Protein backbone atom coordinates (compact mmCIF):
# COMPACT_ATOMS: atom_id res chain seq x y z
CA MET A 1 -12.15 15.22 32.61
CA ASN A 2 -11.12 14.67 29.00
CA THR A 3 -7.71 15.42 27.54
CA ARG A 4 -9.30 17.42 24.77
CA GLY A 5 -8.59 20.70 23.12
CA SER A 6 -11.11 22.74 21.19
CA ASP A 7 -10.36 20.68 18.09
CA GLY A 8 -10.27 17.24 19.71
CA PRO A 9 -8.10 15.16 22.06
CA VAL A 10 -4.62 16.27 23.07
CA CYS A 11 -1.64 13.99 23.82
CA SER A 12 -0.97 13.69 27.55
CA PHE A 13 2.78 13.48 26.97
CA CYS A 14 3.62 16.11 24.34
CA ASP A 15 0.38 18.16 23.99
CA SER A 16 0.12 17.27 20.31
CA LYS A 17 -3.27 17.30 18.62
CA ARG A 18 -2.11 14.85 15.94
CA LEU A 19 -3.88 11.84 17.45
CA GLY A 20 -5.46 8.93 15.60
CA LEU A 21 -8.39 6.96 17.05
CA VAL A 22 -7.57 3.27 17.59
CA MET A 23 -10.59 1.93 19.53
CA ASP A 24 -13.82 3.44 20.83
CA PHE A 25 -15.28 1.44 23.75
CA GLY A 26 -18.36 3.61 24.07
CA GLU A 27 -19.84 4.52 27.46
CA VAL A 28 -18.40 2.22 30.15
CA GLY A 29 -18.58 1.85 33.91
CA LEU A 30 -15.33 2.53 35.77
CA ALA A 31 -13.28 -0.65 35.94
CA GLY A 32 -12.73 -0.50 39.70
CA ALA A 33 -16.08 0.99 40.69
CA PHE A 34 -17.66 -2.06 42.33
CA LEU A 35 -20.98 -1.20 43.89
CA LYS A 36 -24.02 -2.34 45.87
CA PRO A 37 -27.59 -2.61 44.46
CA GLU A 38 -28.69 0.61 46.12
CA GLN A 39 -26.03 2.42 44.06
CA PHE A 40 -27.16 1.12 40.66
CA ALA A 41 -29.52 4.02 39.92
CA ALA A 42 -26.84 6.66 40.51
CA GLU A 43 -24.04 4.81 38.69
CA ARG A 44 -22.14 6.91 36.18
CA THR A 45 -20.62 5.77 32.92
CA PHE A 46 -17.90 7.47 30.93
CA PRO A 47 -16.65 7.50 27.32
CA MET A 48 -13.42 5.59 26.70
CA ARG A 49 -11.34 5.98 23.57
CA LEU A 50 -7.83 4.78 22.75
CA HIS A 51 -5.63 7.03 20.61
CA PHE A 52 -2.16 6.97 19.07
CA CYS A 53 0.01 10.11 19.00
CA ARG A 54 1.65 10.56 15.62
CA ASP A 55 4.29 12.87 17.13
CA CYS A 56 5.59 11.04 20.25
CA HIS A 57 4.13 7.56 19.49
CA ALA A 58 2.31 7.27 22.81
CA VAL A 59 -0.74 4.99 22.90
CA GLN A 60 -3.22 6.38 25.41
CA VAL A 61 -6.79 6.62 26.68
CA THR A 62 -7.73 10.26 26.20
CA ASP A 63 -10.89 10.28 28.35
CA LYS A 64 -9.65 10.91 31.88
CA ILE A 65 -11.55 10.50 35.11
CA PRO A 66 -10.66 12.63 38.17
CA PRO A 67 -8.21 10.50 40.21
CA ASP A 68 -10.21 10.84 43.43
CA VAL A 69 -13.13 9.06 41.75
CA MET A 70 -10.95 6.02 41.07
CA PHE A 71 -8.31 5.78 43.76
CA GLN A 72 -9.50 7.11 47.11
CA ASN A 73 -11.37 3.89 47.96
CA TYR A 74 -9.54 1.22 46.02
CA PHE A 75 -10.26 -2.53 45.88
CA TYR A 76 -6.93 -3.86 44.60
CA PHE A 77 -4.64 -5.30 47.29
CA SER A 78 -1.40 -6.58 45.72
CA SER A 79 -0.38 -8.69 48.71
CA SER A 80 -3.43 -10.95 48.21
CA ILE A 81 -1.75 -12.42 45.10
CA GLY A 82 1.03 -14.90 45.83
CA THR A 83 2.64 -14.42 42.42
CA LEU A 84 3.05 -10.71 43.13
CA ARG A 85 4.49 -11.26 46.61
CA ASP A 86 7.17 -13.53 45.17
CA HIS A 87 7.86 -11.14 42.30
CA PHE A 88 8.41 -8.13 44.52
CA ALA A 89 10.60 -10.01 46.98
CA GLN A 90 12.91 -10.86 44.08
CA TYR A 91 12.64 -7.30 42.75
CA ALA A 92 13.73 -5.82 46.11
CA ALA A 93 16.79 -8.06 46.30
CA GLU A 94 17.77 -7.30 42.71
CA VAL A 95 17.63 -3.49 42.84
CA THR A 96 19.32 -3.40 46.24
CA GLU A 97 22.27 -5.44 45.03
CA ARG A 98 22.58 -3.53 41.77
CA PHE A 99 22.10 0.08 42.82
CA LEU A 100 22.09 0.64 46.58
CA ASP A 101 24.22 0.82 49.68
CA PRO A 102 21.45 -0.24 52.09
CA ALA A 103 22.85 1.47 55.19
CA LYS A 104 22.84 4.85 53.41
CA ALA A 105 20.06 4.48 50.85
CA THR A 106 16.70 6.21 50.54
CA VAL A 107 14.08 4.47 48.39
CA LEU A 108 10.69 5.87 47.45
CA GLU A 109 7.81 4.04 45.81
CA PHE A 110 4.82 5.96 44.55
CA GLY A 111 1.66 3.95 44.04
CA CYS A 112 2.92 1.68 46.81
CA ASN A 113 -0.48 -0.04 47.38
CA ASP A 114 -0.37 -2.18 50.54
CA GLY A 115 3.42 -2.28 50.79
CA VAL A 116 4.02 -5.48 48.82
CA LEU A 117 7.40 -4.13 47.62
CA LEU A 118 8.17 -1.82 50.55
CA ARG A 119 8.32 -4.66 53.08
CA PRO A 120 10.96 -6.69 51.20
CA LEU A 121 12.92 -3.48 50.61
CA ALA A 122 12.91 -2.90 54.37
CA ASP A 123 13.98 -6.53 54.81
CA GLN A 124 17.05 -5.69 52.68
CA GLY A 125 18.12 -3.22 55.36
CA ILE A 126 17.36 -0.06 53.38
CA ARG A 127 17.86 2.90 55.73
CA THR A 128 14.83 4.95 54.61
CA VAL A 129 11.83 3.38 52.89
CA ILE A 130 9.03 5.73 51.82
CA GLY A 131 5.68 4.79 50.30
CA VAL A 132 3.37 7.28 48.60
CA ASP A 133 -0.20 6.33 47.66
CA PRO A 134 -3.57 8.15 47.61
CA ALA A 135 -5.76 5.13 48.45
CA SER A 136 -6.46 5.69 52.14
CA ASN A 137 -8.10 2.32 52.76
CA VAL A 138 -5.15 0.44 51.20
CA VAL A 139 -2.22 2.25 52.83
CA ALA A 140 -4.01 1.91 56.17
CA THR A 141 -3.12 -1.80 56.01
CA ILE A 142 0.65 -1.07 56.01
CA ASP A 143 1.47 -1.89 59.61
CA ASP A 144 5.26 -1.70 59.57
CA THR A 145 7.26 0.86 61.56
CA ARG A 146 10.16 0.59 59.11
CA ILE A 147 8.03 2.18 56.36
CA LYS A 148 7.19 5.89 56.16
CA VAL A 149 3.79 6.30 54.48
CA VAL A 150 2.60 9.43 52.69
CA ASN A 151 -1.12 9.18 51.89
CA SER A 152 -1.12 11.37 48.78
CA TYR A 153 -0.49 11.54 45.07
CA PHE A 154 3.17 11.94 44.09
CA THR A 155 3.15 15.59 43.06
CA GLU A 156 5.93 18.15 42.74
CA GLU A 157 4.87 19.58 46.10
CA ILE A 158 5.13 16.15 47.78
CA ALA A 159 8.49 15.55 46.08
CA ASP A 160 9.84 18.84 47.46
CA LYS A 161 8.62 17.97 50.96
CA ILE A 162 10.24 14.52 50.84
CA VAL A 163 13.55 16.04 49.71
CA ALA A 164 13.33 18.57 52.54
CA ASP A 165 12.65 15.82 55.10
CA TYR A 166 14.90 13.01 53.86
CA GLY A 167 17.19 14.40 51.14
CA HIS A 168 17.28 13.40 47.49
CA VAL A 169 16.27 9.83 46.74
CA ASP A 170 18.64 7.11 45.50
CA LEU A 171 15.97 4.92 43.93
CA ILE A 172 12.41 5.80 42.90
CA VAL A 173 10.19 2.89 41.94
CA ALA A 174 6.73 2.83 40.39
CA ASN A 175 5.06 -0.46 39.60
CA ASN A 176 1.88 -0.71 37.56
CA VAL A 177 1.14 2.92 38.36
CA TYR A 178 3.15 5.05 35.92
CA ALA A 179 0.51 4.21 33.33
CA HIS A 180 -2.32 5.42 35.60
CA ILE A 181 -1.52 9.08 36.18
CA PRO A 182 -3.56 11.78 34.40
CA ASP A 183 -0.90 14.45 34.97
CA ILE A 184 1.99 12.32 33.75
CA GLN A 185 4.05 15.42 32.98
CA GLY A 186 3.72 16.71 36.56
CA THR A 187 4.60 13.34 38.08
CA THR A 188 7.68 13.03 35.88
CA ARG A 189 8.77 16.49 36.99
CA ALA A 190 8.34 15.25 40.58
CA VAL A 191 10.57 12.24 39.83
CA ALA A 192 13.26 14.47 38.34
CA ALA A 193 13.06 16.82 41.34
CA ALA A 194 13.33 14.09 43.98
CA LEU A 195 16.00 11.93 42.33
CA GLN A 196 19.63 12.50 43.22
CA PRO A 197 22.01 13.07 40.26
CA ASP A 198 23.16 9.44 40.05
CA GLY A 199 19.83 8.00 41.17
CA VAL A 200 17.70 5.47 39.32
CA PHE A 201 14.04 5.61 38.39
CA ALA A 202 12.72 2.05 37.88
CA PHE A 203 9.16 1.57 36.70
CA GLU A 204 7.19 -1.47 35.63
CA VAL A 205 4.33 -1.13 33.18
CA HIS A 206 2.48 -3.44 30.87
CA TYR A 207 4.45 -3.56 27.63
CA LEU A 208 2.71 -2.41 24.47
CA GLY A 209 4.33 -5.18 22.45
CA LYS A 210 2.69 -7.80 24.67
CA VAL A 211 -0.67 -6.05 24.35
CA ILE A 212 -0.36 -6.35 20.58
CA ASP A 213 1.07 -9.89 20.49
CA GLY A 214 -1.42 -11.32 22.98
CA MET A 215 -4.40 -9.22 21.87
CA GLN A 216 -4.62 -7.98 25.45
CA TYR A 217 -7.29 -5.37 24.95
CA ASP A 218 -8.46 -6.24 28.49
CA MET A 219 -5.61 -4.08 29.77
CA ILE A 220 -7.40 -1.02 28.38
CA TYR A 221 -9.50 0.85 30.93
CA HIS A 222 -9.67 4.32 32.46
CA GLU A 223 -7.25 3.40 35.22
CA HIS A 224 -4.66 2.28 32.65
CA LEU A 225 -4.29 5.46 30.64
CA TYR A 226 -1.02 4.69 28.86
CA TYR A 227 0.45 1.69 27.00
CA TYR A 228 4.21 2.13 26.83
CA SER A 229 6.56 1.16 24.09
CA LEU A 230 10.26 1.83 24.50
CA LEU A 231 9.95 4.50 21.81
CA SER A 232 7.24 6.40 23.66
CA ALA A 233 9.06 6.06 27.02
CA MET A 234 12.28 7.39 25.53
CA ASN A 235 10.49 10.33 23.91
CA HIS A 236 8.71 11.19 27.14
CA LEU A 237 11.69 11.00 29.50
CA ALA A 238 13.90 13.00 27.14
CA ARG A 239 11.74 16.07 27.79
CA TYR A 240 12.91 15.97 31.44
CA ASP A 241 16.59 15.36 30.66
CA MET A 242 16.21 11.69 31.51
CA MET A 243 16.88 8.52 29.52
CA VAL A 244 16.36 4.77 29.55
CA PHE A 245 19.61 2.92 30.20
CA ASP A 246 18.31 -0.62 30.68
CA ILE A 247 15.17 -2.73 30.36
CA LYS A 248 14.00 -6.05 31.71
CA PRO A 249 11.05 -8.09 30.40
CA ILE A 250 8.78 -9.16 33.27
CA PRO A 251 6.34 -12.09 32.97
CA ILE A 252 4.00 -10.63 35.59
CA HIS A 253 0.52 -9.59 34.37
CA ALA A 254 1.13 -11.59 31.16
CA GLY A 255 3.80 -9.30 29.84
CA SER A 256 5.27 -6.28 31.63
CA ILE A 257 8.54 -4.48 31.19
CA ARG A 258 10.78 -2.78 33.73
CA PHE A 259 12.42 0.41 32.51
CA TYR A 260 15.56 1.63 34.27
CA ALA A 261 15.94 5.36 33.75
CA CYS A 262 18.43 7.96 34.94
CA LYS A 263 19.27 11.60 34.48
CA LYS A 264 21.33 12.45 31.42
CA GLY A 265 24.94 12.80 32.49
CA SER A 266 24.61 10.39 35.42
CA ARG A 267 27.05 7.51 35.85
CA HIS A 268 24.41 5.12 34.46
CA SER A 269 23.90 7.14 31.27
CA VAL A 270 27.26 6.15 29.80
CA SER A 271 26.44 2.42 29.64
CA VAL A 272 23.17 1.93 27.79
CA SER A 273 22.29 -1.76 27.66
CA PRO A 274 22.43 -3.51 24.26
CA ALA A 275 18.91 -4.70 25.06
CA VAL A 276 17.66 -1.09 24.83
CA LYS A 277 19.18 -0.58 21.40
CA ALA A 278 17.86 -3.94 20.19
CA LEU A 279 14.31 -3.26 21.35
CA GLU A 280 14.31 0.20 19.81
CA ALA A 281 15.25 -1.30 16.45
CA GLU A 282 12.64 -4.05 16.83
CA GLU A 283 9.85 -1.58 17.62
CA ARG A 284 10.65 0.53 14.60
CA ALA A 285 10.65 -2.58 12.41
CA ARG A 286 7.25 -3.61 13.82
CA GLY A 287 5.75 -0.20 13.18
CA PHE A 288 5.20 0.99 16.74
CA ASP A 289 5.75 4.48 15.37
CA ARG A 290 2.95 4.11 12.78
CA TYR A 291 -0.80 4.60 13.26
CA GLU A 292 -1.70 1.79 10.82
CA THR A 293 -0.18 -0.84 13.14
CA PHE A 294 -2.78 -0.08 15.80
CA LEU A 295 -5.72 0.02 13.42
CA GLU A 296 -4.82 -3.56 12.47
CA PHE A 297 -4.80 -4.49 16.17
CA SER A 298 -8.28 -3.02 16.58
CA ASN A 299 -9.65 -5.15 13.76
CA THR A 300 -8.14 -8.32 15.27
CA VAL A 301 -9.72 -7.59 18.65
CA ALA A 302 -13.17 -7.22 17.08
CA ALA A 303 -12.82 -10.69 15.57
CA HIS A 304 -11.88 -12.11 18.98
CA ARG A 305 -14.98 -10.61 20.57
CA ALA A 306 -17.19 -12.45 18.10
CA LYS A 307 -15.47 -15.78 18.86
CA LEU A 308 -15.84 -15.47 22.65
CA ILE A 309 -19.51 -14.52 22.52
CA GLU A 310 -20.22 -17.38 20.12
CA LEU A 311 -18.70 -19.87 22.59
CA LEU A 312 -20.69 -18.51 25.55
CA ILE A 313 -23.95 -18.61 23.59
CA ASP A 314 -23.25 -22.17 22.46
CA LEU A 315 -22.54 -23.38 26.02
CA ARG A 316 -25.72 -21.70 27.29
CA ARG A 317 -27.77 -23.39 24.58
CA GLN A 318 -26.42 -26.70 25.89
CA GLY A 319 -27.76 -25.77 29.35
CA HIS A 320 -24.42 -25.11 31.06
CA SER A 321 -23.95 -22.76 34.00
CA ILE A 322 -21.05 -20.28 33.73
CA ALA A 323 -19.46 -17.98 36.30
CA GLY A 324 -16.69 -15.44 35.83
CA TYR A 325 -13.48 -15.74 37.86
CA GLY A 326 -11.45 -12.65 38.76
CA ALA A 327 -13.47 -9.46 39.21
CA SER A 328 -10.68 -7.16 38.07
CA GLY A 329 -10.46 -4.14 35.84
CA ARG A 330 -9.42 -6.47 33.04
CA ALA A 331 -12.60 -8.48 33.55
CA ASN A 332 -14.73 -5.38 33.33
CA THR A 333 -13.15 -4.35 30.03
CA ILE A 334 -13.87 -7.77 28.49
CA ILE A 335 -17.41 -7.82 29.87
CA GLN A 336 -18.28 -4.34 28.63
CA TYR A 337 -16.46 -4.45 25.28
CA CYS A 338 -17.83 -7.88 24.39
CA GLY A 339 -21.34 -7.13 25.67
CA ILE A 340 -21.35 -10.03 28.15
CA ASN A 341 -24.55 -9.96 30.18
CA HIS A 342 -26.68 -12.23 32.37
CA ASP A 343 -27.65 -14.28 29.32
CA HIS A 344 -24.01 -15.39 29.13
CA LEU A 345 -22.85 -15.43 32.75
CA ASP A 346 -24.46 -16.12 36.15
CA TYR A 347 -22.18 -14.34 38.62
CA MET A 348 -18.54 -13.50 39.42
CA ILE A 349 -15.99 -15.06 41.80
CA ASP A 350 -13.01 -13.28 43.31
CA ASP A 351 -10.42 -14.34 45.89
CA ALA A 352 -10.12 -10.86 47.44
CA PRO A 353 -12.44 -10.83 50.49
CA ALA A 354 -13.07 -7.08 50.14
CA LYS A 355 -15.01 -7.61 46.90
CA ALA A 356 -17.49 -10.20 48.18
CA GLY A 357 -21.06 -8.89 48.17
CA TYR A 358 -20.32 -6.14 45.68
CA TYR A 359 -21.40 -6.05 42.04
CA THR A 360 -19.42 -5.37 38.87
CA PRO A 361 -19.75 -1.93 37.26
CA LYS A 362 -22.48 -1.49 34.64
CA SER A 363 -22.91 -5.28 34.08
CA HIS A 364 -23.99 -5.79 37.74
CA PHE A 365 -22.80 -9.36 38.29
CA GLU A 366 -22.75 -10.25 41.98
CA ILE A 367 -19.29 -11.16 43.32
CA PHE A 368 -18.88 -14.25 45.52
CA PRO A 369 -15.79 -15.57 47.34
CA GLY A 370 -13.92 -18.57 45.96
CA SER A 371 -15.50 -20.79 48.63
CA ILE A 372 -18.65 -20.93 46.52
CA LEU A 373 -16.88 -23.56 44.40
CA GLU A 374 -16.66 -25.91 47.37
CA GLY A 375 -20.42 -26.51 47.58
CA GLY A 376 -22.63 -28.69 45.45
CA ASN A 377 -23.73 -25.85 43.17
CA ALA A 378 -20.44 -25.04 41.48
CA PRO A 379 -20.90 -23.85 37.87
CA ASP A 380 -20.04 -26.11 34.95
CA TYR A 381 -17.62 -23.54 33.54
CA LEU A 382 -15.49 -20.70 34.89
CA LEU A 383 -14.63 -17.87 32.52
CA ILE A 384 -11.15 -16.95 33.77
CA PHE A 385 -10.91 -13.19 33.45
CA ALA A 386 -7.72 -13.28 35.54
CA TRP A 387 -6.21 -15.46 32.82
CA SER A 388 -2.70 -14.05 33.32
CA PHE A 389 -2.68 -15.82 36.72
CA PHE A 390 -4.08 -19.05 35.27
CA ASP A 391 -1.42 -21.38 36.71
CA GLU A 392 -2.08 -20.08 40.21
CA ILE A 393 -5.88 -20.26 39.72
CA ARG A 394 -5.71 -23.78 38.30
CA LYS A 395 -3.72 -25.05 41.28
CA ARG A 396 -5.92 -23.24 43.78
CA ASN A 397 -9.02 -24.81 42.26
CA ALA A 398 -7.71 -28.31 41.61
CA ASP A 399 -10.70 -29.86 43.44
CA TYR A 400 -13.12 -28.01 41.17
CA LEU A 401 -11.36 -29.35 38.08
CA ALA A 402 -11.12 -32.85 39.56
CA LYS A 403 -14.90 -32.88 39.95
CA GLY A 404 -15.41 -32.14 36.27
CA GLY A 405 -15.37 -28.33 36.25
CA ARG A 406 -13.92 -26.59 33.23
CA MET A 407 -12.27 -23.24 32.64
CA ILE A 408 -12.62 -20.91 29.68
CA LEU A 409 -9.59 -18.79 28.85
CA PRO A 410 -10.56 -15.67 26.90
CA LEU A 411 -7.00 -14.70 25.96
CA PRO A 412 -4.62 -14.85 24.24
CA GLU A 413 -6.86 -17.28 22.35
CA VAL A 414 -10.35 -18.41 23.30
CA SER A 415 -9.88 -21.93 24.68
CA ILE A 416 -11.25 -24.44 27.20
CA PHE A 417 -9.26 -26.21 29.94
CA PRO A 418 -9.07 -29.13 30.12
CA PRO A 419 -9.55 -29.34 26.38
CA PRO A 420 -12.66 -31.27 25.24
CA ALA A 421 -11.94 -34.87 24.25
CA PRO A 422 -11.77 -35.30 20.48
CA CYS A 423 -14.80 -36.87 18.85
CA TYR A 424 -14.07 -39.78 16.54
CA PRO A 425 -16.52 -41.14 13.98
CA VAL A 426 -18.06 -44.48 14.91
CA ALA A 427 -17.08 -47.25 12.53
CA GLY A 428 -20.11 -48.75 10.88
């Protein structure tokens, strides 16, 4: 399913046809479509192109895959990552204190995954906690009677049913999902329908500014359709009589942002944070409303690709073994965009048990559990695709490093940890 009109792609947010191509990734395997060898022959690939809308300034992947293909049997379990568990515990405490009367409040999270935020919200004493998510295998792991689970997409129909059953919602949260929804207009209508007049819509997404600053092209894949700036978020929400009243930079995923939005005319709308006004001015100064800014980003990414491949080829020539670490969607974008194949890499490692024994899409690297590093055949180098969690990975694999193993970080700059010792000329 492509967002395309008869004359080319159409903006998902404003239906404009004035889109400019930023990057063309060619035909790629779906980032989360891990598979077994018997599925190789039937594997499908899809075009993936990144565009910029000249009218509403939204940066977006315009080649859309039917959601059921990507999300019904999902391999990402947020609670398996300690950094995320800690983040969402703090998040729950913060929004409860700021916006809610727990004994009376109703909170809804769409894209709730395995309940990593819902559980700490319930721990705060929230009266009604509702999770909505289409991934049947993931929500099946939420074993908590305090949480009401709706195994579905968050549509206008589901919003109306929730309002009928529980009343309008005080706080709607969406974390790392508001960028994933093909029908973003329909979902935003659902938010507006379910939210009570003074309610808050809080959503975390990867911030476009961090993508640009850190050259994080690995965030681009079919699942991540949209790359939000404040300008594009403001333009989008305004169409539904909503507005951004506050923002919070979030270090998670190497650079996210939390937008706090409300209905126009609500009690929150009269006190827009100075941080919102400052970021709006900064984005205009940096050209986030201009197509040329993103063409420059594309050229920088191409130069990075050449540097990473050169390093891998050089290490292979020296006879080193290399495995990838972190079989995520981000890994699959780097692998496919850079053309990493079995000449460069031996296999993949991932700490999520559900992925062991599967293979990466299109590149077909076998995925092993982290325990493979404990034996005598550990690779010389690990290419850390999950580089945004490097501190956690480094600590978890301290024994591997102590035994002489090294880690390659592909972003934000290609580097090796620990750094190679400097070579000094021998005096003669």
